[in-house]
Amino acid sequence: AKEHCSFVIDTENMGKILYTGDIVMNRVEFYDIIRWLRKDDCARFVN
């Protein structure tokens, strides 16, 4: 979505967290990204 933002959160109990939002909704989409089956801006950001 054009207003979409993701967050990196620095925490005491979990270290740094990437809260992706809906650019990567689930692990299936994530697997495609880390295997570079996608090479779009979203994939580059997540990697």
All heavy atoms as atom14 arrays in JSON, in Angstrom:
{
  "sequence": "AKEHCSFVIDTENMGKILYTGDIVMNRVEFYDIIRWLRKDDCARFVN",
  "atom14_mask": [
    [1, 1, 1, 1, 1, 0, 0, 0, 0, 0, 0, 0, 0, 0],
    [1, 1, 1, 1, 1, 1, 1, 1, 1, 0, 0, 0, 0, 0],
    [1, 1, 1, 1, 1, 1, 1, 1, 1, 0, 0, 0, 0, 0],
    [1, 1, 1, 1, 1, 1, 1, 1, 1, 1, 0, 0, 0, 0],
    [1, 1, 1, 1, 1, 1, 0, 0, 0, 0, 0, 0, 0, 0],
    [1, 1, 1, 1, 1, 1, 0, 0, 0, 0, 0, 0, 0, 0],
    [1, 1, 1, 1, 1, 1, 1, 1, 1, 1, 1, 0, 0, 0],
    [1, 1, 1, 1, 1, 1, 1, 0, 0, 0, 0, 0, 0, 0],
    [1, 1, 1, 1, 1, 1, 1, 1, 0, 0, 0, 0, 0, 0],
    [1, 1, 1, 1, 1, 1, 1, 1, 0, 0, 0, 0, 0, 0],
    [1, 1, 1, 1, 1, 1, 1, 0, 0, 0, 0, 0, 0, 0],
    [1, 1, 1, 1, 1, 1, 1, 1, 1, 0, 0, 0, 0, 0],
    [1, 1, 1, 1, 1, 1, 1, 1, 0, 0, 0, 0, 0, 0],
    [1, 1, 1, 1, 1, 1, 1, 1, 0, 0, 0, 0, 0, 0],
    [1, 1, 1, 1, 0, 0, 0, 0, 0, 0, 0, 0, 0, 0],
    [1, 1, 1, 1, 1, 1, 1, 1, 1, 0, 0, 0, 0, 0],
    [1, 1, 1, 1, 1, 1, 1, 1, 0, 0, 0, 0, 0, 0],
    [1, 1, 1, 1, 1, 1, 1, 1, 0, 0, 0, 0, 0, 0],
    [1, 1, 1, 1, 1, 1, 1, 1, 1, 1, 1, 1, 0, 0],
    [1, 1, 1, 1, 1, 1, 1, 0, 0, 0, 0, 0, 0, 0],
    [1, 1, 1, 1, 0, 0, 0, 0, 0, 0, 0, 0, 0, 0],
    [1, 1, 1, 1, 1, 1, 1, 1, 0, 0, 0, 0, 0, 0],
    [1, 1, 1, 1, 1, 1, 1, 1, 0, 0, 0, 0, 0, 0],
    [1, 1, 1, 1, 1, 1, 1, 0, 0, 0, 0, 0, 0, 0],
    [1, 1, 1, 1, 1, 1, 1, 1, 0, 0, 0, 0, 0, 0],
    [1, 1, 1, 1, 1, 1, 1, 1, 0, 0, 0, 0, 0, 0],
    [1, 1, 1, 1, 1, 1, 1, 1, 1, 1, 1, 0, 0, 0],
    [1, 1, 1, 1, 1, 1, 1, 0, 0, 0, 0, 0, 0, 0],
    [1, 1, 1, 1, 1, 1, 1, 1, 1, 0, 0, 0, 0, 0],
    [1, 1, 1, 1, 1, 1, 1, 1, 1, 1, 1, 0, 0, 0],
    [1, 1, 1, 1, 1, 1, 1, 1, 1, 1, 1, 1, 0, 0],
    [1, 1, 1, 1, 1, 1, 1, 1, 0, 0, 0, 0, 0, 0],
    [1, 1, 1, 1, 1, 1, 1, 1, 0, 0, 0, 0, 0, 0],
    [1, 1, 1, 1, 1, 1, 1, 1, 0, 0, 0, 0, 0, 0],
    [1, 1, 1, 1, 1, 1, 1, 1, 1, 1, 1, 0, 0, 0],
    [1, 1, 1, 1, 1, 1, 1, 1, 1, 1, 1, 1, 1, 1],
    [1, 1, 1, 1, 1, 1, 1, 1, 0, 0, 0, 0, 0, 0],
    [1, 1, 1, 1, 1, 1, 1, 1, 1, 1, 1, 0, 0, 0],
    [1, 1, 1, 1, 1, 1, 1, 1, 1, 0, 0, 0, 0, 0],
    [1, 1, 1, 1, 1, 1, 1, 1, 0, 0, 0, 0, 0, 0],
    [1, 1, 1, 1, 1, 1, 1, 1, 0, 0, 0, 0, 0, 0],
    [1, 1, 1, 1, 1, 1, 0, 0, 0, 0, 0, 0, 0, 0],
    [1, 1, 1, 1, 1, 0, 0, 0, 0, 0, 0, 0, 0, 0],
    [1, 1, 1, 1, 1, 1, 1, 1, 1, 1, 1, 0, 0, 0],
    [1, 1, 1, 1, 1, 1, 1, 1, 1, 1, 1, 0, 0, 0],
    [1, 1, 1, 1, 1, 1, 1, 0, 0, 0, 0, 0, 0, 0],
    [1, 1, 1, 1, 1, 1, 1, 1, 0, 0, 0, 0, 0, 0]
  ],
  "atom14_positions": [
    [[0.88, -1.17, 0.0], [0.0, 0.0, 0.0], [0.91, 1.22, 0.0], [2.03, 1.16, 0.51], [-0.91, 0.01, 1.23], [0.0, 0.0, 0.0], [0.0, 0.0, 0.0], [0.0, 0.0, 0.0], [0.0, 0.0, 0.0], [0.0, 0.0, 0.0], [0.0, 0.0, 0.0], [0.0, 0.0, 0.0], [0.0, 0.0, 0.0], [0.0, 0.0, 0.0]],
    [[0.43, 2.32, -0.57], [1.34, 3.46, -0.74], [1.77, 4.08, 0.58], [2.81, 4.75, 0.64], [0.72, 4.51, -1.66], [-0.59, 5.12, -1.18], [-1.11, 6.08, -2.24], [-2.45, 6.69, -1.87], [-2.93, 7.62, -2.94], [0.0, 0.0, 0.0], [0.0, 0.0, 0.0], [0.0, 0.0, 0.0], [0.0, 0.0, 0.0], [0.0, 0.0, 0.0]],
    [[1.01, 3.86, 1.64], [1.39, 4.37, 2.96], [2.16, 3.35, 3.79], [2.52, 3.61, 4.94], [0.15, 4.83, 3.73], [-0.68, 3.7, 4.35], [-1.68, 3.08, 3.4], [-1.58, 3.31, 2.17], [-2.57, 2.37, 3.89], [0.0, 0.0, 0.0], [0.0, 0.0, 0.0], [0.0, 0.0, 0.0], [0.0, 0.0, 0.0], [0.0, 0.0, 0.0]],
    [[2.45, 2.19, 3.21], [3.01, 1.09, 3.99], [4.41, 1.41, 4.53], [5.27, 1.91, 3.8], [3.07, -0.17, 3.14], [3.32, -1.42, 3.92], [4.55, -1.71, 4.49], [2.5, -2.44, 4.26], [4.47, -2.86, 5.13], [3.24, -3.32, 5.01], [0.0, 0.0, 0.0], [0.0, 0.0, 0.0], [0.0, 0.0, 0.0], [0.0, 0.0, 0.0]],
    [[4.62, 1.09, 5.79], [5.93, 1.22, 6.44], [6.26, -0.08, 7.17], [5.37, -0.79, 7.64], [5.95, 2.38, 7.43], [5.89, 4.02, 6.67], [0.0, 0.0, 0.0], [0.0, 0.0, 0.0], [0.0, 0.0, 0.0], [0.0, 0.0, 0.0], [0.0, 0.0, 0.0], [0.0, 0.0, 0.0], [0.0, 0.0, 0.0], [0.0, 0.0, 0.0]],
    [[7.55, -0.37, 7.24], [8.06, -1.47, 8.06], [8.91, -0.86, 9.17], [9.37, 0.29, 9.06], [8.89, -2.43, 7.2], [8.15, -2.92, 6.1], [0.0, 0.0, 0.0], [0.0, 0.0, 0.0], [0.0, 0.0, 0.0], [0.0, 0.0, 0.0], [0.0, 0.0, 0.0], [0.0, 0.0, 0.0], [0.0, 0.0, 0.0], [0.0, 0.0, 0.0]],
    [[9.15, -1.64, 10.22], [9.85, -1.11, 11.39], [10.98, -2.03, 11.82], [10.82, -3.26, 11.81], [8.88, -0.93, 12.56], [7.65, -0.15, 12.22], [6.39, -0.75, 12.22], [7.73, 1.19, 11.88], [5.25, -0.04, 11.89], [6.59, 1.91, 11.55], [5.35, 1.3, 11.56], [0.0, 0.0, 0.0], [0.0, 0.0, 0.0], [0.0, 0.0, 0.0]],
    [[12.09, -1.43, 12.2], [13.15, -2.16, 12.91], [13.14, -1.67, 14.35], [13.24, -0.47, 14.61], [14.52, -1.96, 12.26], [15.62, -2.53, 13.16], [14.57, -2.63, 10.89], [0.0, 0.0, 0.0], [0.0, 0.0, 0.0], [0.0, 0.0, 0.0], [0.0, 0.0, 0.0], [0.0, 0.0, 0.0], [0.0, 0.0, 0.0], [0.0, 0.0, 0.0]],
    [[13.0, -2.62, 15.26], [12.79, -2.3, 16.67], [13.95, -2.86, 17.49], [14.26, -4.06, 17.41], [11.46, -2.9, 17.17], [10.32, -2.5, 16.22], [11.16, -2.46, 18.59], [9.21, -3.51, 16.16], [0.0, 0.0, 0.0], [0.0, 0.0, 0.0], [0.0, 0.0, 0.0], [0.0, 0.0, 0.0], [0.0, 0.0, 0.0], [0.0, 0.0, 0.0]],
    [[14.57, -2.02, 18.27], [15.69, -2.42, 19.13], [15.15, -2.73, 20.52], [14.7, -1.83, 21.22], [16.72, -1.29, 19.18], [18.02, -1.71, 19.85], [18.15, -2.89, 20.23], [18.91, -0.85, 19.99], [0.0, 0.0, 0.0], [0.0, 0.0, 0.0], [0.0, 0.0, 0.0], [0.0, 0.0, 0.0], [0.0, 0.0, 0.0], [0.0, 0.0, 0.0]],
    [[15.17, -4.0, 20.9], [14.54, -4.42, 22.15], [15.56, -5.04, 23.11], [16.63, -5.49, 22.7], [13.44, -5.47, 21.89], [14.04, -6.72, 21.53], [12.51, -5.01, 20.78], [0.0, 0.0, 0.0], [0.0, 0.0, 0.0], [0.0, 0.0, 0.0], [0.0, 0.0, 0.0], [0.0, 0.0, 0.0], [0.0, 0.0, 0.0], [0.0, 0.0, 0.0]],
    [[15.19, -5.07, 24.38], [16.03, -5.68, 25.4], [15.95, -7.2, 25.39], [16.91, -7.89, 25.73], [15.61, -5.17, 26.79], [15.74, -3.67, 26.99], [15.13, -3.22, 28.29], [15.03, -4.05, 29.23], [14.73, -2.05, 28.39], [0.0, 0.0, 0.0], [0.0, 0.0, 0.0], [0.0, 0.0, 0.0], [0.0, 0.0, 0.0], [0.0, 0.0, 0.0]],
    [[14.8, -7.74, 25.01], [14.57, -9.18, 25.17], [14.67, -9.98, 23.88], [14.87, -11.2, 23.91], [13.19, -9.42, 25.79], [12.05, -8.85, 24.98], [12.17, -7.77, 24.39], [10.95, -9.56, 24.92], [0.0, 0.0, 0.0], [0.0, 0.0, 0.0], [0.0, 0.0, 0.0], [0.0, 0.0, 0.0], [0.0, 0.0, 0.0], [0.0, 0.0, 0.0]],
    [[14.56, -9.32, 22.72], [14.61, -10.05, 21.46], [15.64, -9.48, 20.49], [15.68, -9.86, 19.32], [13.23, -10.06, 20.78], [12.17, -10.84, 21.54], [10.55, -10.86, 20.7], [10.92, -11.89, 19.25], [0.0, 0.0, 0.0], [0.0, 0.0, 0.0], [0.0, 0.0, 0.0], [0.0, 0.0, 0.0], [0.0, 0.0, 0.0], [0.0, 0.0, 0.0]],
    [[16.48, -8.59, 20.96], [17.43, -7.96, 20.07], [16.72, -7.07, 19.06], [15.73, -6.42, 19.37], [0.0, 0.0, 0.0], [0.0, 0.0, 0.0], [0.0, 0.0, 0.0], [0.0, 0.0, 0.0], [0.0, 0.0, 0.0], [0.0, 0.0, 0.0], [0.0, 0.0, 0.0], [0.0, 0.0, 0.0], [0.0, 0.0, 0.0], [0.0, 0.0, 0.0]],
    [[17.21, -7.06, 17.83], [16.59, -6.25, 16.79], [15.54, -7.07, 16.05], [15.81, -8.19, 15.61], [17.63, -5.73, 15.8], [18.46, -4.58, 16.37], [19.3, -3.93, 15.28], [20.02, -2.71, 15.84], [20.82, -2.02, 14.8], [0.0, 0.0, 0.0], [0.0, 0.0, 0.0], [0.0, 0.0, 0.0], [0.0, 0.0, 0.0], [0.0, 0.0, 0.0]],
    [[14.36, -6.47, 15.9], [13.23, -7.12, 15.23], [12.91, -6.35, 13.96], [12.79, -5.12, 13.99], [11.99, -7.13, 16.13], [12.23, -7.93, 17.42], [10.77, -7.67, 15.38], [11.12, -7.77, 18.44], [0.0, 0.0, 0.0], [0.0, 0.0, 0.0], [0.0, 0.0, 0.0], [0.0, 0.0, 0.0], [0.0, 0.0, 0.0], [0.0, 0.0, 0.0]],
    [[12.76, -7.07, 12.86], [12.18, -6.48, 11.65], [10.71, -6.86, 11.62], [10.37, -8.04, 11.49], [12.88, -6.99, 10.39], [12.2, -6.63, 9.05], [12.08, -5.12, 8.88], [12.94, -7.26, 7.88], [0.0, 0.0, 0.0], [0.0, 0.0, 0.0], [0.0, 0.0, 0.0], [0.0, 0.0, 0.0], [0.0, 0.0, 0.0], [0.0, 0.0, 0.0]],
    [[9.85, -5.87, 11.78], [8.4, -6.07, 11.64], [8.07, -5.68, 10.21], [8.03, -4.5, 9.86], [7.64, -5.22, 12.65], [6.17, -5.56, 12.75], [5.72, -6.48, 13.68], [5.24, -4.96, 11.91], [4.36, -6.79, 13.77], [3.9, -5.27, 11.99], [3.46, -6.19, 12.93], [2.13, -6.5, 13.02], [0.0, 0.0, 0.0], [0.0, 0.0, 0.0]],
    [[7.81, -6.7, 9.38], [7.74, -6.48, 7.94], [6.49, -5.76, 7.49], [6.5, -5.03, 6.5], [7.82, -7.81, 7.18], [6.69, -8.63, 7.55], [9.11, -8.55, 7.48], [0.0, 0.0, 0.0], [0.0, 0.0, 0.0], [0.0, 0.0, 0.0], [0.0, 0.0, 0.0], [0.0, 0.0, 0.0], [0.0, 0.0, 0.0], [0.0, 0.0, 0.0]],
    [[5.38, -5.96, 8.21], [4.1, -5.56, 7.64], [3.74, -6.5, 6.5], [4.3, -7.6, 6.37], [0.0, 0.0, 0.0], [0.0, 0.0, 0.0], [0.0, 0.0, 0.0], [0.0, 0.0, 0.0], [0.0, 0.0, 0.0], [0.0, 0.0, 0.0], [0.0, 0.0, 0.0], [0.0, 0.0, 0.0], [0.0, 0.0, 0.0], [0.0, 0.0, 0.0]],
    [[2.87, -6.08, 5.63], [2.35, -6.97, 4.59], [3.2, -7.05, 3.34], [2.78, -7.65, 2.35], [0.92, -6.56, 4.23], [-0.12, -7.18, 5.16], [0.3, -7.85, 6.12], [-1.32, -6.97, 4.92], [0.0, 0.0, 0.0], [0.0, 0.0, 0.0], [0.0, 0.0, 0.0], [0.0, 0.0, 0.0], [0.0, 0.0, 0.0], [0.0, 0.0, 0.0]],
    [[4.4, -6.45, 3.34], [5.26, -6.66, 2.18], [5.75, -8.1, 2.12], [6.07, -8.61, 1.05], [6.45, -5.68, 2.17], [7.34, -5.86, 3.41], [5.96, -4.25, 2.01], [8.68, -5.17, 3.29], [0.0, 0.0, 0.0], [0.0, 0.0, 0.0], [0.0, 0.0, 0.0], [0.0, 0.0, 0.0], [0.0, 0.0, 0.0], [0.0, 0.0, 0.0]],
    [[5.82, -8.75, 3.29], [6.09, -10.19, 3.38], [5.14, -10.74, 4.43], [5.39, -10.61, 5.62], [7.55, -10.49, 3.78], [7.81, -11.99, 3.72], [8.53, -9.76, 2.89], [0.0, 0.0, 0.0], [0.0, 0.0, 0.0], [0.0, 0.0, 0.0], [0.0, 0.0, 0.0], [0.0, 0.0, 0.0], [0.0, 0.0, 0.0], [0.0, 0.0, 0.0]],
    [[4.05, -11.33, 4.0], [3.0, -11.7, 4.93], [3.29, -12.99, 5.7], [2.81, -13.18, 6.82], [1.68, -11.87, 4.19], [1.18, -10.6, 3.53], [-0.51, -10.85, 2.9], [-0.66, -9.42, 1.84], [0.0, 0.0, 0.0], [0.0, 0.0, 0.0], [0.0, 0.0, 0.0], [0.0, 0.0, 0.0], [0.0, 0.0, 0.0], [0.0, 0.0, 0.0]],
    [[4.06, -13.89, 5.1], [4.22, -15.21, 5.72], [5.55, -15.83, 5.31], [6.31, -15.27, 4.52], [3.05, -16.13, 5.32], [2.85, -16.19, 3.81], [3.8, -16.39, 3.05], [1.62, -15.98, 3.37], [0.0, 0.0, 0.0], [0.0, 0.0, 0.0], [0.0, 0.0, 0.0], [0.0, 0.0, 0.0], [0.0, 0.0, 0.0], [0.0, 0.0, 0.0]],
    [[5.81, -17.01, 5.87], [7.1, -17.67, 5.63], [7.24, -18.17, 4.2], [8.36, -18.24, 3.68], [7.27, -18.82, 6.62], [7.52, -18.34, 8.05], [7.53, -19.49, 9.03], [6.2, -20.08, 9.15], [5.93, -21.17, 9.84], [6.91, -21.81, 10.47], [4.69, -21.63, 9.92], [0.0, 0.0, 0.0], [0.0, 0.0, 0.0], [0.0, 0.0, 0.0]],
    [[6.15, -18.5, 3.54], [6.23, -18.94, 2.15], [6.79, -17.82, 1.28], [7.72, -18.03, 0.47], [4.85, -19.4, 1.63], [4.92, -19.69, 0.14], [4.38, -20.63, 2.39], [0.0, 0.0, 0.0], [0.0, 0.0, 0.0], [0.0, 0.0, 0.0], [0.0, 0.0, 0.0], [0.0, 0.0, 0.0], [0.0, 0.0, 0.0], [0.0, 0.0, 0.0]],
    [[6.25, -16.62, 1.43], [6.77, -15.48, 0.69], [8.22, -15.2, 1.07], [9.05, -14.84, 0.2], [5.9, -14.25, 0.94], [4.48, -14.39, 0.39], [3.64, -13.14, 0.63], [4.2, -12.15, 1.16], [2.45, -13.15, 0.28], [0.0, 0.0, 0.0], [0.0, 0.0, 0.0], [0.0, 0.0, 0.0], [0.0, 0.0, 0.0], [0.0, 0.0, 0.0]],
    [[8.53, -15.35, 2.34], [9.89, -15.12, 2.83], [10.88, -16.1, 2.2], [11.99, -15.72, 1.8], [9.9, -15.24, 4.35], [11.25, -15.07, 4.99], [11.94, -13.87, 4.88], [11.82, -16.1, 5.72], [13.19, -13.7, 5.49], [13.06, -15.94, 6.32], [13.74, -14.75, 6.2], [0.0, 0.0, 0.0], [0.0, 0.0, 0.0], [0.0, 0.0, 0.0]],
    [[10.49, -17.36, 2.09], [11.38, -18.36, 1.49], [11.71, -17.98, 0.05], [12.85, -18.16, -0.41], [10.73, -19.74, 1.52], [10.51, -20.3, 2.91], [9.52, -21.25, 3.15], [11.28, -19.88, 3.99], [9.3, -21.76, 4.42], [11.06, -20.38, 5.28], [10.07, -21.32, 5.48], [9.86, -21.81, 6.74], [0.0, 0.0, 0.0], [0.0, 0.0, 0.0]],
    [[10.74, -17.53, -0.7], [11.0, -17.11, -2.08], [12.01, -15.97, -2.12], [12.87, -15.9, -3.01], [9.71, -16.68, -2.76], [8.82, -17.85, -3.15], [9.29, -19.0, -3.1], [7.64, -17.61, -3.48], [0.0, 0.0, 0.0], [0.0, 0.0, 0.0], [0.0, 0.0, 0.0], [0.0, 0.0, 0.0], [0.0, 0.0, 0.0], [0.0, 0.0, 0.0]],
    [[11.9, -15.07, -1.15], [12.79, -13.9, -1.12], [14.21, -14.3, -0.77], [15.17, -13.89, -1.43], [12.24, -12.85, -0.14], [11.05, -12.12, -0.78], [13.32, -11.86, 0.26], [10.34, -11.17, 0.15], [0.0, 0.0, 0.0], [0.0, 0.0, 0.0], [0.0, 0.0, 0.0], [0.0, 0.0, 0.0], [0.0, 0.0, 0.0], [0.0, 0.0, 0.0]],
    [[14.4, -15.1, 0.26], [15.77, -15.43, 0.69], [16.48, -16.35, -0.3], [17.7, -16.42, -0.32], [15.8, -16.04, 2.1], [15.02, -17.36, 2.16], [15.27, -15.04, 3.13], [15.16, -18.07, 3.49], [0.0, 0.0, 0.0], [0.0, 0.0, 0.0], [0.0, 0.0, 0.0], [0.0, 0.0, 0.0], [0.0, 0.0, 0.0], [0.0, 0.0, 0.0]],
    [[15.71, -17.03, -1.14], [16.32, -17.85, -2.2], [16.49, -17.05, -3.49], [16.91, -17.6, -4.51], [15.44, -19.08, -2.46], [15.45, -20.09, -1.31], [14.66, -21.34, -1.68], [13.24, -21.04, -1.86], [12.37, -21.86, -2.45], [12.78, -23.0, -2.96], [11.11, -21.51, -2.55], [0.0, 0.0, 0.0], [0.0, 0.0, 0.0], [0.0, 0.0, 0.0]],
    [[16.18, -15.76, -3.43], [16.31, -14.85, -4.56], [15.49, -15.31, -5.76], [15.88, -15.08, -6.92], [17.77, -14.66, -4.95], [18.51, -13.8, -3.95], [19.42, -14.24, -3.03], [18.38, -12.38, -3.76], [19.88, -13.18, -2.27], [19.26, -12.03, -2.7], [17.61, -11.4, -4.37], [19.39, -10.73, -2.24], [17.75, -10.08, -3.9], [18.62, -9.77, -2.87]],
    [[14.35, -15.95, -5.48], [13.4, -16.22, -6.56], [12.66, -14.95, -6.95], [12.04, -14.9, -8.01], [12.41, -17.3, -6.13], [13.02, -18.67, -5.81], [11.95, -19.64, -5.36], [13.78, -19.23, -7.0], [0.0, 0.0, 0.0], [0.0, 0.0, 0.0], [0.0, 0.0, 0.0], [0.0, 0.0, 0.0], [0.0, 0.0, 0.0], [0.0, 0.0, 0.0]],
    [[12.74, -13.96, -6.06], [12.26, -12.62, -6.37], [13.44, -11.66, -6.31], [14.3, -11.79, -5.43], [11.2, -12.17, -5.35], [9.87, -12.85, -5.52], [8.93, -12.48, -4.38], [8.85, -11.03, -4.15], [8.12, -10.48, -3.17], [7.43, -11.26, -2.36], [8.08, -9.18, -3.01], [0.0, 0.0, 0.0], [0.0, 0.0, 0.0], [0.0, 0.0, 0.0]],
    [[13.48, -10.71, -7.23], [14.59, -9.76, -7.27], [14.09, -8.33, -7.37], [14.73, -7.47, -7.97], [15.53, -10.1, -8.43], [16.18, -11.48, -8.28], [17.15, -11.78, -9.41], [17.78, -13.16, -9.21], [18.75, -13.5, -10.29], [0.0, 0.0, 0.0], [0.0, 0.0, 0.0], [0.0, 0.0, 0.0], [0.0, 0.0, 0.0], [0.0, 0.0, 0.0]],
    [[12.92, -8.11, -6.77], [12.34, -6.78, -6.79], [12.83, -5.96, -5.6], [13.65, -6.43, -4.8], [10.8, -6.87, -6.81], [10.26, -7.73, -5.68], [11.0, -7.99, -4.71], [9.1, -8.16, -5.78], [0.0, 0.0, 0.0], [0.0, 0.0, 0.0], [0.0, 0.0, 0.0], [0.0, 0.0, 0.0], [0.0, 0.0, 0.0], [0.0, 0.0, 0.0]],
    [[12.36, -4.73, -5.49], [12.79, -3.86, -4.39], [12.46, -4.44, -3.03], [13.23, -4.31, -2.07], [12.14, -2.48, -4.53], [12.72, -1.67, -5.69], [13.82, -2.02, -6.16], [12.06, -0.71, -6.13], [0.0, 0.0, 0.0], [0.0, 0.0, 0.0], [0.0, 0.0, 0.0], [0.0, 0.0, 0.0], [0.0, 0.0, 0.0], [0.0, 0.0, 0.0]],
    [[11.3, -5.07, -2.93], [10.91, -5.68, -1.66], [11.89, -6.78, -1.27], [12.33, -6.85, -0.11], [9.49, -6.24, -1.78], [8.94, -7.14, -0.32], [0.0, 0.0, 0.0], [0.0, 0.0, 0.0], [0.0, 0.0, 0.0], [0.0, 0.0, 0.0], [0.0, 0.0, 0.0], [0.0, 0.0, 0.0], [0.0, 0.0, 0.0], [0.0, 0.0, 0.0]],
    [[12.25, -7.63, -2.21], [13.19, -8.71, -1.92], [14.53, -8.16, -1.49], [15.16, -8.67, -0.54], [13.34, -9.61, -3.14], [0.0, 0.0, 0.0], [0.0, 0.0, 0.0], [0.0, 0.0, 0.0], [0.0, 0.0, 0.0], [0.0, 0.0, 0.0], [0.0, 0.0, 0.0], [0.0, 0.0, 0.0], [0.0, 0.0, 0.0], [0.0, 0.0, 0.0]],
    [[15.01, -7.13, -2.17], [16.3, -6.54, -1.8], [16.25, -5.94, -0.4], [17.2, -6.06, 0.38], [16.7, -5.48, -2.83], [17.19, -6.1, -4.14], [17.77, -5.03, -5.06], [16.71, -4.23, -5.67], [16.11, -4.55, -6.8], [16.43, -5.65, -7.44], [15.16, -3.77, -7.3], [0.0, 0.0, 0.0], [0.0, 0.0, 0.0], [0.0, 0.0, 0.0]],
    [[15.12, -5.29, -0.08], [14.97, -4.7, 1.25], [15.01, -5.78, 2.33], [15.76, -5.67, 3.32], [13.65, -3.93, 1.33], [13.29, -3.49, 2.72], [13.89, -2.39, 3.3], [12.35, -4.21, 3.47], [13.56, -2.0, 4.6], [12.02, -3.82, 4.76], [12.63, -2.71, 5.33], [0.0, 0.0, 0.0], [0.0, 0.0, 0.0], [0.0, 0.0, 0.0]],
    [[14.23, -6.83, 2.17], [14.14, -7.87, 3.2], [15.48, -8.59, 3.36], [15.92, -8.87, 4.48], [13.01, -8.87, 2.86], [13.03, -10.05, 3.82], [11.66, -8.16, 2.91], [0.0, 0.0, 0.0], [0.0, 0.0, 0.0], [0.0, 0.0, 0.0], [0.0, 0.0, 0.0], [0.0, 0.0, 0.0], [0.0, 0.0, 0.0], [0.0, 0.0, 0.0]],
    [[16.14, -8.9, 2.26], [17.44, -9.56, 2.35], [18.5, -8.67, 3.0], [19.35, -9.15, 3.76], [17.9, -10.01, 0.97], [17.33, -11.35, 0.58], [17.55, -12.36, 1.24], [16.58, -11.38, -0.52], [0.0, 0.0, 0.0], [0.0, 0.0, 0.0], [0.0, 0.0, 0.0], [0.0, 0.0, 0.0], [0.0, 0.0, 0.0], [0.0, 0.0, 0.0]]
  ]
}
